[in-house]
Amino acid sequence: MKSIEWTPAEGPDAGKCFVITRMSAFTADRWARNVVRALGRAGARTPREALESGIAGLSGQSMALFSHMSDEDCEAAFQGLLDCVKIRRDPSNPAVGPARLIEADISDAATLPALRTEAFKLNVDFFKAAIYQIYPLIEALREPIMGENQPAA
């Protein structure tokens, strides 16, 4: 699995080394489909220009997309992203591997959204695939059936 290391440059968490690992294909696909369905239930429309601009466009709009979701759906989506994160508690000792993230590992309010953004960037291609898979179905369900709620000609 692809992993990156990310370290905040400033603030109370500066110098901490976080390891963010891409989700497995099945986990990422399931996570992305759940997020896209939650966005659809919330009535959110994924901006066409974000889809057309690819990974960079979706990464830049990730937090705006999540703002449309219910609290429960957003919490599940954010937890899925944080499940990708571990911390190197002793980066100077290579024998000590990354450990699961716990609440005590984060001191700065800016660190959590930054970690979620980095995790989203690693998994955004699955999100994009889910959008292309699910949104056409949602849009088709939203279109009125001929003759329904339409004035007579």
Protein backbone atom coordinates (compact mmCIF):
# COMPACT_ATOMS: atom_id res chain seq x y z
CA MET A 1 0.00 0.00 0.00
CA LYS A 2 1.15 3.49 -0.77
CA SER A 3 2.03 5.56 2.30
CA ILE A 4 3.25 9.07 2.86
CA GLU A 5 4.74 10.75 5.88
CA TRP A 6 3.35 14.13 6.83
CA THR A 7 4.66 16.49 9.48
CA PRO A 8 3.01 19.76 10.51
CA ALA A 9 5.39 22.66 9.95
CA GLU A 10 4.03 24.80 12.77
CA GLY A 11 1.79 24.78 15.79
CA PRO A 12 1.66 22.46 18.80
CA ASP A 13 1.96 19.34 16.60
CA ALA A 14 4.97 20.63 14.64
CA GLY A 15 7.60 17.94 14.27
CA LYS A 16 5.23 15.02 14.85
CA CYS A 17 5.50 12.43 12.10
CA PHE A 18 2.23 11.01 10.82
CA VAL A 19 2.11 8.06 8.43
CA ILE A 20 -0.89 8.09 6.12
CA THR A 21 -1.55 4.87 4.23
CA ARG A 22 -3.86 4.41 1.29
CA MET A 23 -6.93 2.26 1.97
CA SER A 24 -7.14 -1.17 0.40
CA ALA A 25 -9.07 -1.17 -2.87
CA PHE A 26 -12.12 -2.82 -1.31
CA THR A 27 -12.13 -0.56 1.75
CA ALA A 28 -11.65 2.59 -0.36
CA ASP A 29 -14.35 1.57 -2.81
CA ARG A 30 -16.83 0.89 0.03
CA TRP A 31 -15.85 4.16 1.79
CA ALA A 32 -16.21 6.19 -1.41
CA ARG A 33 -19.57 4.66 -2.32
CA ASN A 34 -20.88 5.41 1.18
CA VAL A 35 -19.71 9.02 0.94
CA VAL A 36 -21.21 9.51 -2.52
CA ARG A 37 -24.53 7.99 -1.42
CA ALA A 38 -24.56 10.25 1.65
CA LEU A 39 -23.93 13.26 -0.58
CA GLY A 40 -26.77 12.15 -2.83
CA ARG A 41 -29.14 11.75 0.13
CA ALA A 42 -28.19 15.25 1.25
CA GLY A 43 -29.03 16.60 -2.20
CA ALA A 44 -25.45 17.68 -2.91
CA ARG A 45 -24.35 17.82 -6.49
CA THR A 46 -20.73 17.12 -7.25
CA PRO A 47 -19.55 20.09 -9.28
CA ARG A 48 -18.93 19.08 -12.88
CA GLU A 49 -15.79 21.21 -13.03
CA ALA A 50 -14.34 19.36 -10.04
CA LEU A 51 -14.89 16.03 -11.80
CA GLU A 52 -13.39 17.35 -15.00
CA SER A 53 -10.35 18.78 -13.21
CA GLY A 54 -9.52 15.34 -11.85
CA ILE A 55 -7.85 14.51 -8.58
CA ALA A 56 -6.65 18.05 -7.88
CA GLY A 57 -10.15 19.47 -8.29
CA LEU A 58 -11.76 16.90 -6.02
CA SER A 59 -9.01 17.20 -3.41
CA GLY A 60 -9.52 20.94 -3.28
CA GLN A 61 -13.26 20.58 -2.76
CA SER A 62 -13.27 17.62 -0.38
CA MET A 63 -14.15 19.52 2.78
CA ALA A 64 -16.84 21.54 0.97
CA LEU A 65 -18.42 18.28 -0.21
CA PHE A 66 -18.47 16.87 3.33
CA SER A 67 -20.30 19.95 4.62
CA HIS A 68 -23.45 18.76 2.80
CA MET A 69 -23.63 15.48 4.73
CA SER A 70 -25.55 14.67 7.89
CA ASP A 71 -23.51 14.68 11.10
CA GLU A 72 -23.56 10.87 11.28
CA ASP A 73 -22.49 10.40 7.66
CA CYS A 74 -19.79 13.05 7.96
CA GLU A 75 -18.44 11.45 11.15
CA ALA A 76 -18.25 8.04 9.44
CA ALA A 77 -16.51 9.56 6.42
CA PHE A 78 -14.01 11.46 8.55
CA GLN A 79 -13.34 8.38 10.70
CA GLY A 80 -12.64 6.37 7.55
CA LEU A 81 -10.01 8.93 6.60
CA LEU A 82 -8.46 9.02 10.07
CA ASP A 83 -8.29 5.21 10.08
CA CYS A 84 -5.58 5.69 7.41
CA VAL A 85 -3.39 7.64 9.85
CA LYS A 86 -0.76 6.35 12.26
CA ILE A 87 1.90 8.24 14.17
CA ARG A 88 5.61 7.62 14.64
CA ARG A 89 5.91 8.34 18.34
CA ASP A 90 9.70 7.90 18.21
CA PRO A 91 10.79 8.89 14.69
CA SER A 92 14.48 8.71 15.68
CA ASN A 93 14.16 4.99 16.46
CA PRO A 94 13.42 2.95 13.31
CA ALA A 95 12.73 -0.13 15.47
CA VAL A 96 9.58 1.55 16.77
CA GLY A 97 6.96 1.40 14.03
CA PRO A 98 3.98 3.66 13.53
CA ALA A 99 1.15 3.26 16.04
CA ARG A 100 -2.59 3.81 15.83
CA LEU A 101 -3.62 7.39 16.28
CA ILE A 102 -5.23 8.24 19.62
CA GLU A 103 -6.77 11.50 20.80
CA ALA A 104 -3.72 12.36 22.92
CA ASP A 105 -1.58 12.43 19.74
CA ILE A 106 -3.25 15.60 18.46
CA SER A 107 -2.83 18.95 20.22
CA ASP A 108 -3.53 21.40 17.40
CA ALA A 109 -7.04 21.87 16.00
CA ALA A 110 -5.53 22.41 12.53
CA THR A 111 -3.88 18.98 12.47
CA LEU A 112 -7.05 16.88 12.13
CA PRO A 113 -8.39 18.59 9.00
CA ALA A 114 -4.91 18.52 7.49
CA LEU A 115 -4.60 14.78 8.15
CA ARG A 116 -8.05 14.12 6.67
CA THR A 117 -7.15 16.17 3.60
CA GLU A 118 -3.92 14.22 3.08
CA ALA A 119 -5.76 10.90 3.49
CA PHE A 120 -8.43 12.06 1.03
CA LYS A 121 -5.74 12.92 -1.52
CA LEU A 122 -4.40 9.36 -1.28
CA ASN A 123 -7.84 7.86 -1.85
CA VAL A 124 -9.51 10.41 -4.14
CA ASP A 125 -9.36 8.20 -7.23
CA PHE A 126 -11.76 5.74 -5.55
CA PHE A 127 -14.05 8.65 -4.70
CA LYS A 128 -13.98 9.80 -8.30
CA ALA A 129 -14.82 6.28 -9.52
CA ALA A 130 -17.74 6.09 -7.09
CA ILE A 131 -19.05 9.45 -8.30
CA TYR A 132 -19.03 8.27 -11.90
CA GLN A 133 -20.68 5.02 -10.81
CA ILE A 134 -23.40 6.36 -8.52
CA TYR A 135 -24.20 9.96 -9.48
CA PRO A 136 -25.72 9.12 -12.89
CA LEU A 137 -28.15 6.83 -11.04
CA ILE A 138 -29.01 9.55 -8.54
CA GLU A 139 -29.51 12.10 -11.32
CA ALA A 140 -31.78 9.67 -13.19
CA LEU A 141 -33.90 9.25 -10.06
CA ARG A 142 -34.21 13.03 -9.69
CA GLU A 143 -35.47 13.57 -13.25
CA PRO A 144 -39.26 13.75 -13.42
CA ILE A 145 -40.99 10.98 -15.29
CA MET A 146 -42.58 12.20 -18.55
CA GLY A 147 -45.97 13.67 -17.76
CA GLU A 148 -45.38 13.74 -14.01
CA ASN A 149 -45.43 17.22 -12.46
CA GLN A 150 -45.24 18.76 -15.92
CA PRO A 151 -47.86 21.09 -17.32
CA ALA A 152 -49.99 19.68 -20.12
CA ALA A 153 -48.96 20.85 -23.56
